[in-house]
Amino acid sequence: MPTAIKVISTLCILFASVFIANLLFIQKTEISVPVFGFPMISFVNLFGAGVMIVISLIALLRMQKYIGFARVLVYVLLLALGLNVLLMLKYLVTAYGILTILFNVVVIVFAIGVRGYLISENAARDFLVRK
């Protein structure tokens, strides 16, 4: 198995677990009291965990038909994480807000790298895409 697929799948599972832990922390402390903030932050965390798990499965199973779908998921994840950063700006003075924003920025950089890998010739070779 290529190293790129191992790294992508491992980090996707790690990031998905952090998204789920963040969601559980939000629900436990009910940190988002406003009506608009809580459902959107919860949705972005659930969506992020789901996308990371799906991308990990696509990479591990080398589903060459779903490479385009994975790229679309990465684009939508980037938009959702940008929304999450904007929603978390009101918590910027708390340690939770700073850590969440930093985590979202790390995931955004990782997702841009995954998008670049899925477009590259190395991904076509690793996924055994026939042209």
N, C-alpha and C. Protein backbone atom coordinates (compact mmCIF):
# COMPACT_ATOMS: atom_id res chain seq x y z
N MET A 1 0.85 -1.17 0.00
CA MET A 1 0.00 0.00 0.00
C MET A 1 0.90 1.24 0.00
N PRO A 2 0.58 2.20 -0.85
CA PRO A 2 1.40 3.43 -0.91
C PRO A 2 1.36 4.22 0.39
N THR A 3 2.45 4.89 0.66
CA THR A 3 2.58 5.66 1.90
C THR A 3 1.56 6.80 1.96
N ALA A 4 1.28 7.43 0.83
CA ALA A 4 0.33 8.55 0.81
C ALA A 4 -1.05 8.10 1.28
N ILE A 5 -1.47 6.93 0.87
CA ILE A 5 -2.79 6.43 1.27
C ILE A 5 -2.79 6.10 2.76
N LYS A 6 -1.69 5.56 3.27
CA LYS A 6 -1.60 5.28 4.71
C LYS A 6 -1.68 6.56 5.53
N VAL A 7 -0.96 7.59 5.10
CA VAL A 7 -0.94 8.85 5.83
C VAL A 7 -2.31 9.51 5.78
N ILE A 8 -2.92 9.54 4.60
CA ILE A 8 -4.23 10.18 4.45
C ILE A 8 -5.28 9.47 5.29
N SER A 9 -5.31 8.15 5.24
CA SER A 9 -6.33 7.43 5.99
C SER A 9 -6.11 7.56 7.50
N THR A 10 -4.86 7.51 7.95
CA THR A 10 -4.58 7.64 9.38
C THR A 10 -4.98 9.02 9.89
N LEU A 11 -4.59 10.07 9.17
CA LEU A 11 -4.93 11.41 9.61
C LEU A 11 -6.43 11.68 9.51
N CYS A 12 -7.09 11.12 8.52
CA CYS A 12 -8.54 11.29 8.41
C CYS A 12 -9.25 10.67 9.61
N ILE A 13 -8.83 9.49 10.02
CA ILE A 13 -9.45 8.86 11.19
C ILE A 13 -9.14 9.64 12.46
N LEU A 14 -7.93 10.15 12.56
CA LEU A 14 -7.56 10.96 13.72
C LEU A 14 -8.39 12.25 13.78
N PHE A 15 -8.51 12.94 12.66
CA PHE A 15 -9.30 14.18 12.62
C PHE A 15 -10.78 13.90 12.86
N ALA A 16 -11.28 12.79 12.36
CA ALA A 16 -12.69 12.44 12.60
C ALA A 16 -12.94 12.23 14.09
N SER A 17 -12.00 11.58 14.76
CA SER A 17 -12.19 11.37 16.20
C SER A 17 -12.14 12.69 16.97
N VAL A 18 -11.32 13.63 16.53
CA VAL A 18 -11.28 14.94 17.19
C VAL A 18 -12.57 15.71 16.93
N PHE A 19 -13.11 15.62 15.71
CA PHE A 19 -14.40 16.26 15.42
C PHE A 19 -15.50 15.70 16.33
N ILE A 20 -15.52 14.39 16.50
CA ILE A 20 -16.54 13.77 17.35
C ILE A 20 -16.34 14.16 18.81
N ALA A 21 -15.09 14.21 19.27
CA ALA A 21 -14.82 14.64 20.65
C ALA A 21 -15.25 16.09 20.86
N ASN A 22 -15.02 16.93 19.86
CA ASN A 22 -15.45 18.33 19.95
C ASN A 22 -16.97 18.42 20.01
N LEU A 23 -17.64 17.62 19.24
CA LEU A 23 -19.10 17.62 19.28
C LEU A 23 -19.62 17.17 20.64
N LEU A 24 -19.01 16.14 21.20
CA LEU A 24 -19.42 15.67 22.52
C LEU A 24 -19.15 16.72 23.60
N PHE A 25 -18.04 17.44 23.47
CA PHE A 25 -17.72 18.50 24.43
C PHE A 25 -18.74 19.63 24.33
N ILE A 26 -19.11 20.00 23.11
CA ILE A 26 -20.10 21.07 22.93
C ILE A 26 -21.43 20.66 23.55
N GLN A 27 -21.86 19.43 23.31
CA GLN A 27 -23.14 19.00 23.85
C GLN A 27 -23.09 18.85 25.37
N LYS A 28 -21.95 18.47 25.90
CA LYS A 28 -21.84 18.31 27.35
C LYS A 28 -21.88 19.66 28.07
N THR A 29 -21.15 20.63 27.55
CA THR A 29 -21.08 21.92 28.22
C THR A 29 -22.13 22.91 27.72
N GLU A 30 -22.73 22.61 26.59
CA GLU A 30 -23.69 23.51 25.95
C GLU A 30 -23.11 24.91 25.86
N ILE A 31 -21.92 24.98 25.26
CA ILE A 31 -21.19 26.23 25.17
C ILE A 31 -21.84 27.20 24.18
N SER A 32 -22.59 26.68 23.23
CA SER A 32 -23.23 27.52 22.21
C SER A 32 -24.68 27.73 22.58
N VAL A 33 -24.96 28.76 23.31
CA VAL A 33 -26.32 29.02 23.74
C VAL A 33 -27.18 29.64 22.63
N PRO A 34 -26.63 30.51 21.74
CA PRO A 34 -27.49 31.11 20.72
C PRO A 34 -28.12 30.06 19.82
N VAL A 35 -29.30 30.38 19.33
CA VAL A 35 -30.04 29.44 18.50
C VAL A 35 -29.30 29.15 17.20
N PHE A 36 -28.64 30.15 16.63
CA PHE A 36 -27.96 29.94 15.35
C PHE A 36 -26.66 29.18 15.52
N GLY A 37 -25.90 29.44 16.57
CA GLY A 37 -24.57 28.88 16.70
C GLY A 37 -24.53 27.40 16.97
N PHE A 38 -25.34 26.93 17.89
CA PHE A 38 -25.24 25.53 18.31
C PHE A 38 -25.55 24.54 17.19
N PRO A 39 -26.66 24.69 16.47
CA PRO A 39 -26.91 23.70 15.41
C PRO A 39 -25.88 23.75 14.30
N MET A 40 -25.37 24.94 13.96
CA MET A 40 -24.40 25.03 12.87
C MET A 40 -23.05 24.44 13.27
N ILE A 41 -22.59 24.73 14.48
CA ILE A 41 -21.31 24.18 14.93
C ILE A 41 -21.41 22.66 15.06
N SER A 42 -22.54 22.18 15.55
CA SER A 42 -22.74 20.73 15.66
C SER A 42 -22.78 20.09 14.28
N PHE A 43 -23.46 20.73 13.34
CA PHE A 43 -23.54 20.19 11.98
C PHE A 43 -22.16 20.14 11.34
N VAL A 44 -21.38 21.19 11.49
CA VAL A 44 -20.05 21.21 10.88
C VAL A 44 -19.16 20.12 11.48
N ASN A 45 -19.26 19.90 12.78
CA ASN A 45 -18.46 18.84 13.40
C ASN A 45 -18.90 17.46 12.93
N LEU A 46 -20.20 17.23 12.86
CA LEU A 46 -20.69 15.94 12.34
C LEU A 46 -20.31 15.75 10.89
N PHE A 47 -20.47 16.80 10.10
CA PHE A 47 -20.13 16.73 8.69
C PHE A 47 -18.64 16.48 8.50
N GLY A 48 -17.81 17.16 9.29
CA GLY A 48 -16.37 16.95 9.19
C GLY A 48 -15.98 15.53 9.53
N ALA A 49 -16.57 14.97 10.57
CA ALA A 49 -16.27 13.58 10.93
C ALA A 49 -16.71 12.63 9.83
N GLY A 50 -17.90 12.86 9.29
CA GLY A 50 -18.39 11.99 8.21
C GLY A 50 -17.53 12.05 6.97
N VAL A 51 -17.15 13.25 6.58
CA VAL A 51 -16.31 13.40 5.38
C VAL A 51 -14.96 12.74 5.58
N MET A 52 -14.38 12.92 6.74
CA MET A 52 -13.08 12.31 7.00
C MET A 52 -13.15 10.78 6.95
N ILE A 53 -14.23 10.22 7.48
CA ILE A 53 -14.39 8.76 7.44
C ILE A 53 -14.60 8.27 6.01
N VAL A 54 -15.40 8.99 5.23
CA VAL A 54 -15.65 8.59 3.84
C VAL A 54 -14.38 8.70 3.01
N ILE A 55 -13.61 9.77 3.19
CA ILE A 55 -12.36 9.91 2.43
C ILE A 55 -11.38 8.81 2.83
N SER A 56 -11.36 8.46 4.10
CA SER A 56 -10.50 7.37 4.54
C SER A 56 -10.90 6.05 3.90
N LEU A 57 -12.19 5.79 3.83
CA LEU A 57 -12.65 4.55 3.19
C LEU A 57 -12.33 4.54 1.70
N ILE A 58 -12.52 5.66 1.03
CA ILE A 58 -12.21 5.74 -0.40
C ILE A 58 -10.73 5.49 -0.62
N ALA A 59 -9.89 6.05 0.24
CA ALA A 59 -8.44 5.86 0.08
C ALA A 59 -8.03 4.43 0.41
N LEU A 60 -8.57 3.87 1.49
CA LEU A 60 -8.16 2.52 1.88
C LEU A 60 -8.62 1.45 0.90
N LEU A 61 -9.83 1.61 0.40
CA LEU A 61 -10.37 0.62 -0.54
C LEU A 61 -10.00 0.92 -1.98
N ARG A 62 -9.31 2.04 -2.20
CA ARG A 62 -8.87 2.47 -3.54
C ARG A 62 -10.01 2.47 -4.54
N MET A 63 -11.08 3.12 -4.17
CA MET A 63 -12.26 3.22 -5.04
C MET A 63 -12.01 4.27 -6.11
N GLN A 64 -11.51 3.82 -7.24
CA GLN A 64 -11.13 4.76 -8.28
C GLN A 64 -12.32 5.49 -8.89
N LYS A 65 -13.51 4.93 -8.81
CA LYS A 65 -14.70 5.61 -9.34
C LYS A 65 -15.11 6.79 -8.49
N TYR A 66 -14.68 6.82 -7.24
CA TYR A 66 -15.13 7.85 -6.31
C TYR A 66 -14.08 8.92 -6.02
N ILE A 67 -13.04 8.99 -6.83
CA ILE A 67 -12.03 10.03 -6.62
C ILE A 67 -12.64 11.41 -6.84
N GLY A 68 -13.46 11.57 -7.86
CA GLY A 68 -14.12 12.85 -8.11
C GLY A 68 -15.07 13.22 -6.98
N PHE A 69 -15.77 12.22 -6.45
CA PHE A 69 -16.67 12.46 -5.32
C PHE A 69 -15.88 12.89 -4.09
N ALA A 70 -14.73 12.29 -3.88
CA ALA A 70 -13.89 12.67 -2.73
C ALA A 70 -13.40 14.10 -2.88
N ARG A 71 -13.08 14.50 -4.10
CA ARG A 71 -12.66 15.89 -4.32
C ARG A 71 -13.78 16.86 -4.01
N VAL A 72 -15.00 16.53 -4.42
CA VAL A 72 -16.15 17.38 -4.12
C VAL A 72 -16.38 17.45 -2.61
N LEU A 73 -16.25 16.31 -1.93
CA LEU A 73 -16.40 16.31 -0.48
C LEU A 73 -15.35 17.20 0.19
N VAL A 74 -14.13 17.18 -0.34
CA VAL A 74 -13.08 18.02 0.25
C VAL A 74 -13.41 19.50 0.05
N TYR A 75 -13.91 19.87 -1.14
CA TYR A 75 -14.29 21.26 -1.38
C TYR A 75 -15.40 21.71 -0.42
N VAL A 76 -16.40 20.87 -0.24
CA VAL A 76 -17.51 21.23 0.65
C VAL A 76 -17.03 21.26 2.10
N LEU A 77 -16.12 20.36 2.47
CA LEU A 77 -15.56 20.38 3.81
C LEU A 77 -14.80 21.68 4.07
N LEU A 78 -14.05 22.14 3.07
CA LEU A 78 -13.32 23.40 3.23
C LEU A 78 -14.28 24.56 3.47
N LEU A 79 -15.39 24.59 2.74
CA LEU A 79 -16.38 25.65 2.95
C LEU A 79 -17.00 25.55 4.35
N ALA A 80 -17.31 24.34 4.79
CA ALA A 80 -17.92 24.16 6.10
C ALA A 80 -16.94 24.53 7.22
N LEU A 81 -15.67 24.20 7.04
CA LEU A 81 -14.69 24.55 8.07
C LEU A 81 -14.46 26.06 8.11
N GLY A 82 -14.53 26.71 6.97
CA GLY A 82 -14.46 28.18 6.97
C GLY A 82 -15.62 28.79 7.74
N LEU A 83 -16.81 28.22 7.55
CA LEU A 83 -17.97 28.67 8.31
C LEU A 83 -17.78 28.43 9.81
N ASN A 84 -17.20 27.30 10.15
CA ASN A 84 -16.96 26.99 11.56
C ASN A 84 -15.96 27.96 12.18
N VAL A 85 -14.94 28.34 11.43
CA VAL A 85 -13.98 29.33 11.95
C VAL A 85 -14.70 30.64 12.21
N LEU A 86 -15.57 31.06 11.29
CA LEU A 86 -16.31 32.30 11.50
C LEU A 86 -17.25 32.20 12.70
N LEU A 87 -17.89 31.05 12.89
CA LEU A 87 -18.78 30.89 14.04
C LEU A 87 -18.02 30.86 15.36
N MET A 88 -16.79 30.38 15.32
CA MET A 88 -16.01 30.26 16.56
C MET A 88 -15.29 31.55 16.92
N LEU A 89 -15.36 32.57 16.08
CA LEU A 89 -14.67 33.82 16.39
C LEU A 89 -15.22 34.48 17.66
N LYS A 90 -16.50 34.22 17.98
CA LYS A 90 -17.05 34.83 19.20
C LYS A 90 -16.47 34.19 20.46
N TYR A 91 -15.85 33.02 20.33
CA TYR A 91 -15.21 32.35 21.47
C TYR A 91 -13.69 32.51 21.43
N LEU A 92 -13.21 33.51 20.71
CA LEU A 92 -11.78 33.67 20.51
C LEU A 92 -11.03 33.97 21.81
N VAL A 93 -11.70 34.53 22.78
CA VAL A 93 -11.03 34.88 24.03
C VAL A 93 -10.93 33.69 24.99
N THR A 94 -11.54 32.56 24.64
CA THR A 94 -11.47 31.37 25.49
C THR A 94 -10.44 30.39 24.92
N ALA A 95 -9.93 29.53 25.77
CA ALA A 95 -8.98 28.52 25.31
C ALA A 95 -9.66 27.55 24.34
N TYR A 96 -10.92 27.22 24.60
CA TYR A 96 -11.66 26.32 23.71
C TYR A 96 -11.76 26.92 22.31
N GLY A 97 -12.07 28.20 22.22
CA GLY A 97 -12.21 28.85 20.92
C GLY A 97 -10.90 28.88 20.15
N ILE A 98 -9.82 29.19 20.84
CA ILE A 98 -8.51 29.25 20.18
C ILE A 98 -8.11 27.86 19.68
N LEU A 99 -8.28 26.84 20.52
CA LEU A 99 -7.92 25.48 20.11
C LEU A 99 -8.78 24.99 18.95
N THR A 100 -10.06 25.33 18.97
CA THR A 100 -10.94 24.90 17.88
C THR A 100 -10.57 25.59 16.57
N ILE A 101 -10.27 26.88 16.64
CA ILE A 101 -9.88 27.58 15.42
C ILE A 101 -8.56 27.04 14.89
N LEU A 102 -7.59 26.79 15.76
CA LEU A 102 -6.32 26.22 15.31
C LEU A 102 -6.51 24.83 14.72
N PHE A 103 -7.36 24.01 15.32
CA PHE A 103 -7.64 22.69 14.77
C PHE A 103 -8.29 22.81 13.39
N ASN A 104 -9.23 23.74 13.24
CA ASN A 104 -9.87 23.91 11.94
C ASN A 104 -8.88 24.36 10.88
N VAL A 105 -7.94 25.22 11.25
CA VAL A 105 -6.92 25.67 10.30
C VAL A 105 -6.01 24.51 9.90
N VAL A 106 -5.66 23.66 10.85
CA VAL A 106 -4.84 22.48 10.53
C VAL A 106 -5.60 21.54 9.59
N VAL A 107 -6.88 21.33 9.84
CA VAL A 107 -7.66 20.46 8.97
C VAL A 107 -7.83 21.09 7.59
N ILE A 108 -7.96 22.41 7.52
CA ILE A 108 -8.07 23.09 6.22
C ILE A 108 -6.79 22.88 5.41
N VAL A 109 -5.64 23.04 6.04
CA VAL A 109 -4.37 22.81 5.34
C VAL A 109 -4.25 21.36 4.89
N PHE A 110 -4.65 20.43 5.75
CA PHE A 110 -4.62 19.01 5.38
C PHE A 110 -5.57 18.72 4.22
N ALA A 111 -6.77 19.29 4.25
CA ALA A 111 -7.74 19.05 3.19
C ALA A 111 -7.26 19.62 1.85
N ILE A 112 -6.57 20.76 1.88
CA ILE A 112 -6.01 21.32 0.65
C ILE A 112 -4.95 20.37 0.09
N GLY A 113 -4.15 19.78 0.98
CA GLY A 113 -3.16 18.80 0.54
C GLY A 113 -3.79 17.54 -0.03
N VAL A 114 -4.86 17.07 0.59
CA VAL A 114 -5.56 15.88 0.07
C VAL A 114 -6.16 16.18 -1.29
N ARG A 115 -6.73 17.38 -1.44
CA ARG A 115 -7.29 17.77 -2.73
C ARG A 115 -6.20 17.78 -3.80
N GLY A 116 -5.05 18.33 -3.46
CA GLY A 116 -3.94 18.34 -4.41
C GLY A 116 -3.46 16.94 -4.76
N TYR A 117 -3.44 16.07 -3.76
CA TYR A 117 -3.03 14.68 -4.03
C TYR A 117 -4.03 13.98 -4.94
N LEU A 118 -5.32 14.19 -4.70
CA LEU A 118 -6.32 13.50 -5.52
C LEU A 118 -6.30 13.96 -6.97
N ILE A 119 -5.79 15.16 -7.24
CA ILE A 119 -5.69 15.66 -8.60
C ILE A 119 -4.43 15.14 -9.29
N SER A 120 -3.41 14.79 -8.52
CA SER A 120 -2.09 14.51 -9.07
C SER A 120 -2.02 13.17 -9.80
N GLU A 121 -0.92 13.01 -10.51
CA GLU A 121 -0.65 11.76 -11.22
C GLU A 121 -0.31 10.63 -10.25
N ASN A 122 0.24 10.97 -9.10
CA ASN A 122 0.55 9.94 -8.10
C ASN A 122 -0.71 9.25 -7.61
N ALA A 123 -1.79 10.01 -7.45
CA ALA A 123 -3.05 9.40 -7.03
C ALA A 123 -3.58 8.50 -8.12
N ALA A 124 -3.46 8.92 -9.37
CA ALA A 124 -3.92 8.07 -10.47
C ALA A 124 -3.14 6.76 -10.49
N ARG A 125 -1.85 6.84 -10.21
CA ARG A 125 -1.03 5.62 -10.18
C ARG A 125 -1.37 4.78 -8.95
N ASP A 126 -1.55 5.43 -7.79
CA ASP A 126 -1.85 4.69 -6.56
C ASP A 126 -3.23 4.04 -6.60
N PHE A 127 -4.20 4.71 -7.23
CA PHE A 127 -5.55 4.17 -7.31
C PHE A 127 -5.73 3.29 -8.55
N LEU A 128 -4.67 3.12 -9.32
CA LEU A 128 -4.67 2.29 -10.52
C LEU A 128 -5.72 2.72 -11.53
N VAL A 129 -5.79 4.02 -11.77
CA VAL A 129 -6.75 4.57 -12.73
C VAL A 129 -6.21 4.33 -14.13
N ARG A 130 -7.06 3.77 -14.97
CA ARG A 130 -6.68 3.52 -16.37
C ARG A 130 -7.21 4.65 -17.23
N LYS A 131 -6.33 5.17 -18.07
CA LYS A 131 -6.77 6.28 -18.94
C LYS A 131 -6.95 5.82 -20.35
